[in-house]
Amino acid sequence: MIEGGCRCGAVRYSLAVADLPPAYCCHCLDCQASSGSAFSEQAVAAAPVAAEGPIIDYRFTRPDGSDSHHRLCGQCFTRLWSTNSTYPEITLLRAGTLDRSQDLRPAAHIWVKRKQDWVVLPPDVPQWPENAPAAEFARALGPR
């Protein structure tokens, strides 16, 4: 079981998985804007989230036509996890909301053509200028 929650503690969530899921970083401008930082880090889980607390489901249509659902704490507005209609079986957990976030090591970086110049990426971690081809991305996030 892995667990996480928002900044104020009003929302707690869990996933019935044995260990932390693989993580990746996205350096696109949307992720920079929504995270308020140089990139966003997501843990990719193929398990449903069980959660308690005041959760807002912010929904929008992406430019590719898919529906995206971002769950936020209704009190402090921390972004917790998201899903989308293209990959409904996948949950993207905002890495910093995991109780064990310090144990994550990004397995891939996408949209590196937009990364901040001062960010230095490990040369042995796969990276792509934009979105990674699905099969390559899956290999990068698979067992190491």
N, C-alpha and C. Protein backbone atom coordinates (compact mmCIF):
# COMPACT_ATOMS: atom_id res chain seq x y z
N MET A 1 0.84 -1.18 0.00
CA MET A 1 0.00 0.00 0.00
C MET A 1 0.89 1.24 0.00
N ILE A 2 0.59 2.16 -0.91
CA ILE A 2 1.27 3.46 -0.88
C ILE A 2 0.23 4.52 -0.55
N GLU A 3 0.69 5.58 0.08
CA GLU A 3 -0.23 6.62 0.53
C GLU A 3 0.33 8.00 0.24
N GLY A 4 -0.58 8.96 0.23
CA GLY A 4 -0.20 10.34 0.02
C GLY A 4 -1.32 11.27 0.45
N GLY A 5 -1.09 12.55 0.25
CA GLY A 5 -2.10 13.52 0.63
C GLY A 5 -1.71 14.93 0.24
N CYS A 6 -2.62 15.83 0.53
CA CYS A 6 -2.44 17.23 0.18
C CYS A 6 -1.59 17.97 1.21
N ARG A 7 -1.34 19.21 0.92
CA ARG A 7 -0.50 20.06 1.77
C ARG A 7 -1.14 20.32 3.14
N CYS A 8 -2.47 20.53 3.18
CA CYS A 8 -3.12 20.87 4.45
C CYS A 8 -3.58 19.66 5.25
N GLY A 9 -3.56 18.46 4.64
CA GLY A 9 -3.96 17.25 5.35
C GLY A 9 -5.43 16.90 5.25
N ALA A 10 -6.23 17.71 4.55
CA ALA A 10 -7.66 17.43 4.44
C ALA A 10 -7.96 16.23 3.56
N VAL A 11 -7.09 15.94 2.58
CA VAL A 11 -7.27 14.80 1.68
C VAL A 11 -6.14 13.82 1.88
N ARG A 12 -6.51 12.57 2.03
CA ARG A 12 -5.55 11.46 2.07
C ARG A 12 -5.97 10.46 1.01
N TYR A 13 -4.99 9.84 0.36
CA TYR A 13 -5.30 8.83 -0.64
C TYR A 13 -4.38 7.63 -0.48
N SER A 14 -4.79 6.51 -1.08
CA SER A 14 -3.97 5.30 -1.06
C SER A 14 -4.21 4.51 -2.33
N LEU A 15 -3.23 3.69 -2.65
CA LEU A 15 -3.33 2.74 -3.76
C LEU A 15 -2.87 1.39 -3.24
N ALA A 16 -3.58 0.37 -3.63
CA ALA A 16 -3.25 -0.99 -3.18
C ALA A 16 -2.18 -1.59 -4.10
N VAL A 17 -0.97 -1.07 -3.97
CA VAL A 17 0.18 -1.59 -4.72
C VAL A 17 1.31 -1.82 -3.73
N ALA A 18 2.22 -2.72 -4.08
CA ALA A 18 3.28 -3.11 -3.16
C ALA A 18 4.37 -2.05 -3.00
N ASP A 19 4.68 -1.36 -4.08
CA ASP A 19 5.80 -0.41 -4.01
C ASP A 19 5.47 0.83 -4.82
N LEU A 20 6.33 1.81 -4.71
CA LEU A 20 6.13 3.04 -5.46
C LEU A 20 6.15 2.76 -6.95
N PRO A 21 5.25 3.39 -7.70
CA PRO A 21 5.24 3.22 -9.14
C PRO A 21 6.37 4.02 -9.78
N PRO A 22 6.68 3.71 -11.04
CA PRO A 22 7.72 4.47 -11.73
C PRO A 22 7.29 5.93 -11.93
N ALA A 23 8.27 6.80 -12.04
CA ALA A 23 7.99 8.22 -12.19
C ALA A 23 8.71 8.78 -13.40
N TYR A 24 8.18 9.87 -13.93
CA TYR A 24 8.81 10.61 -15.01
C TYR A 24 8.65 12.10 -14.76
N CYS A 25 9.44 12.89 -15.45
CA CYS A 25 9.34 14.34 -15.36
C CYS A 25 8.96 14.90 -16.73
N CYS A 26 8.08 15.88 -16.70
CA CYS A 26 7.68 16.57 -17.92
C CYS A 26 8.12 18.02 -17.81
N HIS A 27 8.80 18.49 -18.86
CA HIS A 27 9.35 19.84 -18.88
C HIS A 27 8.57 20.77 -19.82
N CYS A 28 7.37 20.37 -20.25
CA CYS A 28 6.59 21.21 -21.17
C CYS A 28 6.13 22.49 -20.47
N LEU A 29 5.74 23.46 -21.25
CA LEU A 29 5.34 24.74 -20.69
C LEU A 29 4.06 24.63 -19.87
N ASP A 30 3.13 23.75 -20.27
CA ASP A 30 1.91 23.55 -19.47
C ASP A 30 2.26 23.02 -18.08
N CYS A 31 3.15 22.04 -18.01
CA CYS A 31 3.53 21.49 -16.71
C CYS A 31 4.30 22.51 -15.87
N GLN A 32 5.13 23.32 -16.52
CA GLN A 32 5.82 24.37 -15.78
C GLN A 32 4.82 25.35 -15.18
N ALA A 33 3.82 25.74 -15.98
CA ALA A 33 2.83 26.69 -15.49
C ALA A 33 1.96 26.10 -14.39
N SER A 34 1.50 24.86 -14.59
CA SER A 34 0.58 24.28 -13.60
C SER A 34 1.28 23.88 -12.31
N SER A 35 2.58 23.58 -12.38
CA SER A 35 3.31 23.22 -11.17
C SER A 35 3.94 24.43 -10.50
N GLY A 36 4.08 25.51 -11.26
CA GLY A 36 4.75 26.69 -10.72
C GLY A 36 6.24 26.44 -10.53
N SER A 37 6.78 25.50 -11.29
CA SER A 37 8.17 25.11 -11.15
C SER A 37 8.77 24.82 -12.52
N ALA A 38 9.98 24.29 -12.54
CA ALA A 38 10.68 24.04 -13.79
C ALA A 38 10.16 22.81 -14.53
N PHE A 39 9.49 21.91 -13.84
CA PHE A 39 8.93 20.71 -14.45
C PHE A 39 7.95 20.10 -13.47
N SER A 40 7.21 19.11 -13.94
CA SER A 40 6.34 18.35 -13.04
C SER A 40 6.85 16.92 -13.00
N GLU A 41 6.61 16.26 -11.88
CA GLU A 41 7.01 14.86 -11.72
C GLU A 41 5.76 14.05 -11.38
N GLN A 42 5.52 13.02 -12.17
CA GLN A 42 4.37 12.15 -11.98
C GLN A 42 4.82 10.72 -11.73
N ALA A 43 4.12 10.04 -10.85
CA ALA A 43 4.29 8.60 -10.66
C ALA A 43 3.13 7.94 -11.41
N VAL A 44 3.45 6.93 -12.21
CA VAL A 44 2.47 6.30 -13.10
C VAL A 44 1.97 5.01 -12.48
N ALA A 45 0.70 5.00 -12.08
CA ALA A 45 0.13 3.84 -11.41
C ALA A 45 -1.01 3.23 -12.23
N ALA A 46 -1.04 1.91 -12.28
CA ALA A 46 -2.13 1.20 -12.96
C ALA A 46 -3.06 0.62 -11.91
N ALA A 47 -3.40 1.44 -10.93
CA ALA A 47 -4.28 1.01 -9.84
C ALA A 47 -5.20 2.16 -9.49
N PRO A 48 -6.41 1.85 -9.07
CA PRO A 48 -7.34 2.93 -8.69
C PRO A 48 -6.93 3.58 -7.37
N VAL A 49 -7.31 4.84 -7.23
CA VAL A 49 -7.02 5.60 -6.02
C VAL A 49 -8.24 5.55 -5.11
N ALA A 50 -7.99 5.25 -3.83
CA ALA A 50 -9.01 5.37 -2.80
C ALA A 50 -8.69 6.64 -2.02
N ALA A 51 -9.66 7.53 -1.88
CA ALA A 51 -9.36 8.82 -1.24
C ALA A 51 -10.49 9.24 -0.32
N GLU A 52 -10.12 10.05 0.68
CA GLU A 52 -11.07 10.64 1.60
C GLU A 52 -10.74 12.12 1.73
N GLY A 53 -11.79 12.93 1.81
CA GLY A 53 -11.62 14.36 1.99
C GLY A 53 -12.29 15.12 0.88
N PRO A 54 -12.22 16.45 0.94
CA PRO A 54 -12.89 17.31 -0.04
C PRO A 54 -12.10 17.38 -1.34
N ILE A 55 -12.53 16.63 -2.35
CA ILE A 55 -11.80 16.55 -3.62
C ILE A 55 -12.58 17.27 -4.72
N ILE A 56 -11.87 18.11 -5.45
CA ILE A 56 -12.41 18.79 -6.62
C ILE A 56 -11.94 18.03 -7.85
N ASP A 57 -12.83 17.77 -8.80
CA ASP A 57 -12.47 17.15 -10.07
C ASP A 57 -12.51 18.23 -11.14
N TYR A 58 -11.33 18.76 -11.46
CA TYR A 58 -11.21 19.79 -12.50
C TYR A 58 -11.07 19.08 -13.84
N ARG A 59 -12.04 19.27 -14.72
CA ARG A 59 -12.06 18.59 -16.01
C ARG A 59 -11.86 19.59 -17.15
N PHE A 60 -11.13 19.14 -18.16
CA PHE A 60 -10.98 19.97 -19.36
C PHE A 60 -10.66 19.09 -20.55
N THR A 61 -10.89 19.62 -21.74
CA THR A 61 -10.59 18.91 -22.97
C THR A 61 -9.23 19.36 -23.46
N ARG A 62 -8.36 18.39 -23.71
CA ARG A 62 -7.01 18.68 -24.18
C ARG A 62 -7.04 19.00 -25.68
N PRO A 63 -5.99 19.62 -26.21
CA PRO A 63 -5.96 19.95 -27.64
C PRO A 63 -6.15 18.74 -28.56
N ASP A 64 -5.77 17.53 -28.09
CA ASP A 64 -5.94 16.33 -28.91
C ASP A 64 -7.37 15.77 -28.83
N GLY A 65 -8.25 16.42 -28.05
CA GLY A 65 -9.63 15.98 -27.93
C GLY A 65 -9.91 15.06 -26.76
N SER A 66 -8.88 14.61 -26.06
CA SER A 66 -9.09 13.73 -24.91
C SER A 66 -9.55 14.55 -23.70
N ASP A 67 -10.27 13.88 -22.81
CA ASP A 67 -10.73 14.52 -21.58
C ASP A 67 -9.73 14.26 -20.47
N SER A 68 -9.38 15.29 -19.75
CA SER A 68 -8.43 15.19 -18.65
C SER A 68 -9.15 15.56 -17.35
N HIS A 69 -8.88 14.77 -16.30
CA HIS A 69 -9.49 14.99 -14.99
C HIS A 69 -8.39 15.15 -13.96
N HIS A 70 -8.31 16.31 -13.35
CA HIS A 70 -7.30 16.57 -12.33
C HIS A 70 -8.01 16.67 -10.99
N ARG A 71 -7.53 15.89 -10.01
CA ARG A 71 -8.13 15.93 -8.67
C ARG A 71 -7.28 16.80 -7.77
N LEU A 72 -7.96 17.72 -7.09
CA LEU A 72 -7.31 18.69 -6.21
C LEU A 72 -8.00 18.66 -4.85
N CYS A 73 -7.26 19.05 -3.83
CA CYS A 73 -7.86 19.23 -2.51
C CYS A 73 -8.80 20.43 -2.58
N GLY A 74 -10.00 20.27 -2.05
CA GLY A 74 -10.97 21.34 -2.04
C GLY A 74 -10.68 22.44 -1.03
N GLN A 75 -9.70 22.25 -0.17
CA GLN A 75 -9.33 23.27 0.81
C GLN A 75 -8.07 24.02 0.42
N CYS A 76 -6.99 23.29 0.13
CA CYS A 76 -5.72 23.97 -0.17
C CYS A 76 -5.38 23.96 -1.67
N PHE A 77 -6.18 23.27 -2.47
CA PHE A 77 -6.05 23.21 -3.92
C PHE A 77 -4.77 22.54 -4.42
N THR A 78 -4.18 21.69 -3.59
CA THR A 78 -3.04 20.90 -4.03
C THR A 78 -3.50 19.94 -5.12
N ARG A 79 -2.77 19.90 -6.25
CA ARG A 79 -3.06 18.92 -7.30
C ARG A 79 -2.54 17.57 -6.81
N LEU A 80 -3.41 16.56 -6.82
CA LEU A 80 -3.08 15.25 -6.26
C LEU A 80 -2.84 14.17 -7.30
N TRP A 81 -3.78 13.98 -8.22
CA TRP A 81 -3.62 12.99 -9.27
C TRP A 81 -4.50 13.36 -10.44
N SER A 82 -4.23 12.73 -11.58
CA SER A 82 -5.05 12.97 -12.76
C SER A 82 -5.23 11.67 -13.54
N THR A 83 -6.26 11.67 -14.36
CA THR A 83 -6.53 10.59 -15.30
C THR A 83 -6.96 11.24 -16.60
N ASN A 84 -6.95 10.46 -17.69
CA ASN A 84 -7.48 11.00 -18.94
C ASN A 84 -8.14 9.90 -19.75
N SER A 85 -8.96 10.32 -20.71
CA SER A 85 -9.75 9.36 -21.48
C SER A 85 -8.91 8.55 -22.45
N THR A 86 -7.72 9.00 -22.80
CA THR A 86 -6.86 8.23 -23.70
C THR A 86 -6.32 6.97 -23.02
N TYR A 87 -5.95 7.10 -21.74
CA TYR A 87 -5.43 5.96 -20.97
C TYR A 87 -6.20 5.87 -19.65
N PRO A 88 -7.45 5.45 -19.68
CA PRO A 88 -8.28 5.47 -18.47
C PRO A 88 -7.80 4.54 -17.36
N GLU A 89 -6.98 3.57 -17.69
CA GLU A 89 -6.49 2.63 -16.67
C GLU A 89 -5.27 3.15 -15.92
N ILE A 90 -4.76 4.30 -16.32
CA ILE A 90 -3.55 4.88 -15.72
C ILE A 90 -3.91 6.06 -14.84
N THR A 91 -3.29 6.12 -13.66
CA THR A 91 -3.42 7.26 -12.77
C THR A 91 -2.05 7.93 -12.67
N LEU A 92 -2.03 9.23 -12.86
CA LEU A 92 -0.79 10.01 -12.72
C LEU A 92 -0.82 10.73 -11.39
N LEU A 93 -0.05 10.24 -10.45
CA LEU A 93 0.04 10.84 -9.12
C LEU A 93 1.06 11.96 -9.14
N ARG A 94 0.72 13.10 -8.56
CA ARG A 94 1.70 14.16 -8.43
C ARG A 94 2.71 13.70 -7.39
N ALA A 95 3.93 13.51 -7.84
CA ALA A 95 4.96 12.84 -7.04
C ALA A 95 5.16 13.46 -5.67
N GLY A 96 5.10 14.77 -5.58
CA GLY A 96 5.33 15.44 -4.30
C GLY A 96 4.26 15.20 -3.27
N THR A 97 3.12 14.63 -3.67
CA THR A 97 2.05 14.36 -2.71
C THR A 97 2.17 12.97 -2.09
N LEU A 98 3.08 12.16 -2.59
CA LEU A 98 3.30 10.82 -2.01
C LEU A 98 4.05 10.93 -0.69
N ASP A 99 3.67 10.13 0.27
CA ASP A 99 4.36 10.14 1.56
C ASP A 99 5.84 9.78 1.41
N ARG A 100 6.16 8.96 0.43
CA ARG A 100 7.54 8.53 0.21
C ARG A 100 8.13 9.16 -1.05
N SER A 101 7.80 10.39 -1.32
CA SER A 101 8.26 11.03 -2.56
C SER A 101 9.79 11.07 -2.65
N GLN A 102 10.45 11.11 -1.52
CA GLN A 102 11.92 11.17 -1.54
C GLN A 102 12.54 9.89 -2.09
N ASP A 103 11.76 8.80 -2.17
CA ASP A 103 12.27 7.53 -2.68
C ASP A 103 12.12 7.37 -4.19
N LEU A 104 11.45 8.31 -4.84
CA LEU A 104 11.27 8.23 -6.29
C LEU A 104 12.52 8.66 -7.03
N ARG A 105 12.80 7.99 -8.12
CA ARG A 105 13.88 8.38 -9.03
C ARG A 105 13.28 8.41 -10.42
N PRO A 106 13.20 9.57 -11.08
CA PRO A 106 12.59 9.63 -12.40
C PRO A 106 13.26 8.67 -13.38
N ALA A 107 12.42 7.93 -14.09
CA ALA A 107 12.91 6.94 -15.06
C ALA A 107 12.96 7.51 -16.47
N ALA A 108 12.40 8.70 -16.68
CA ALA A 108 12.37 9.31 -18.01
C ALA A 108 12.07 10.80 -17.88
N HIS A 109 12.42 11.52 -18.94
CA HIS A 109 12.13 12.96 -19.03
C HIS A 109 11.54 13.21 -20.41
N ILE A 110 10.41 13.94 -20.45
CA ILE A 110 9.81 14.30 -21.73
C ILE A 110 9.75 15.82 -21.87
N TRP A 111 9.60 16.25 -23.10
CA TRP A 111 9.55 17.66 -23.45
C TRP A 111 10.81 18.41 -23.00
N VAL A 112 11.96 17.76 -23.17
CA VAL A 112 13.21 18.39 -22.72
C VAL A 112 13.62 19.57 -23.59
N LYS A 113 13.02 19.72 -24.77
CA LYS A 113 13.33 20.92 -25.57
C LYS A 113 12.81 22.18 -24.87
N ARG A 114 11.94 22.03 -23.88
CA ARG A 114 11.41 23.16 -23.12
C ARG A 114 11.99 23.27 -21.72
N LYS A 115 12.94 22.39 -21.37
CA LYS A 115 13.45 22.41 -20.00
C LYS A 115 14.24 23.69 -19.76
N GLN A 116 14.28 24.10 -18.51
CA GLN A 116 15.06 25.26 -18.11
C GLN A 116 16.54 24.95 -18.32
N ASP A 117 17.30 25.92 -18.78
CA ASP A 117 18.72 25.70 -19.09
C ASP A 117 19.53 25.24 -17.89
N TRP A 118 19.15 25.63 -16.69
CA TRP A 118 19.92 25.28 -15.50
C TRP A 118 19.63 23.86 -15.00
N VAL A 119 18.59 23.21 -15.55
CA VAL A 119 18.27 21.84 -15.15
C VAL A 119 19.22 20.90 -15.89
N VAL A 120 19.95 20.09 -15.14
CA VAL A 120 20.88 19.13 -15.72
C VAL A 120 20.31 17.72 -15.51
N LEU A 121 20.11 17.01 -16.61
CA LEU A 121 19.53 15.67 -16.55
C LEU A 121 20.61 14.61 -16.55
N PRO A 122 20.40 13.52 -15.80
CA PRO A 122 21.37 12.43 -15.82
C PRO A 122 21.46 11.83 -17.23
N PRO A 123 22.65 11.63 -17.74
CA PRO A 123 22.79 11.14 -19.12
C PRO A 123 22.27 9.71 -19.31
N ASP A 124 22.14 8.93 -18.25
CA ASP A 124 21.69 7.55 -18.38
C ASP A 124 20.17 7.38 -18.27
N VAL A 125 19.44 8.48 -18.11
CA VAL A 125 17.98 8.42 -18.01
C VAL A 125 17.40 8.80 -19.37
N PRO A 126 16.51 7.97 -19.94
CA PRO A 126 15.93 8.28 -21.25
C PRO A 126 15.23 9.64 -21.25
N GLN A 127 15.35 10.34 -22.39
CA GLN A 127 14.72 11.64 -22.53
C GLN A 127 14.34 11.86 -23.99
N TRP A 128 13.28 12.65 -24.18
CA TRP A 128 12.79 12.95 -25.51
C TRP A 128 12.52 14.43 -25.63
N PRO A 129 12.73 15.02 -26.83
CA PRO A 129 12.50 16.44 -27.02
C PRO A 129 11.03 16.84 -26.78
N GLU A 130 10.10 15.95 -27.15
CA GLU A 130 8.67 16.18 -26.92
C GLU A 130 8.11 14.93 -26.24
N ASN A 131 6.90 14.54 -26.59
CA ASN A 131 6.35 13.31 -26.03
C ASN A 131 7.13 12.10 -26.55
N ALA A 132 7.28 11.12 -25.72
CA ALA A 132 7.98 9.90 -26.11
C ALA A 132 7.02 9.00 -26.88
N PRO A 133 7.54 8.24 -27.86
CA PRO A 133 6.69 7.21 -28.48
C PRO A 133 6.22 6.24 -27.40
N ALA A 134 4.97 5.82 -27.46
CA ALA A 134 4.34 5.03 -26.40
C ALA A 134 5.16 3.80 -26.02
N ALA A 135 5.64 3.04 -26.98
CA ALA A 135 6.38 1.82 -26.67
C ALA A 135 7.70 2.13 -25.97
N GLU A 136 8.40 3.17 -26.42
CA GLU A 136 9.66 3.55 -25.78
C GLU A 136 9.43 4.05 -24.36
N PHE A 137 8.37 4.82 -24.20
CA PHE A 137 8.04 5.36 -22.88
C PHE A 137 7.71 4.22 -21.92
N ALA A 138 6.93 3.25 -22.38
CA ALA A 138 6.57 2.09 -21.55
C ALA A 138 7.82 1.31 -21.15
N ARG A 139 8.76 1.14 -22.07
CA ARG A 139 10.02 0.45 -21.74
C ARG A 139 10.81 1.21 -20.69
N ALA A 140 10.86 2.54 -20.84
CA ALA A 140 11.62 3.37 -19.90
C ALA A 140 11.02 3.28 -18.50
N LEU A 141 9.69 3.20 -18.41
CA LEU A 141 9.03 3.15 -17.09
C LEU A 141 8.89 1.75 -16.55
N GLY A 142 9.25 0.75 -17.36
CA GLY A 142 9.13 -0.64 -16.92
C GLY A 142 10.16 -1.01 -15.87
N PRO A 143 10.17 -2.28 -15.49
CA PRO A 143 11.13 -2.74 -14.47
C PRO A 143 12.57 -2.43 -14.88
N ARG A 144 13.35 -2.03 -13.90
CA ARG A 144 14.76 -1.70 -14.16
C ARG A 144 15.65 -2.77 -13.59
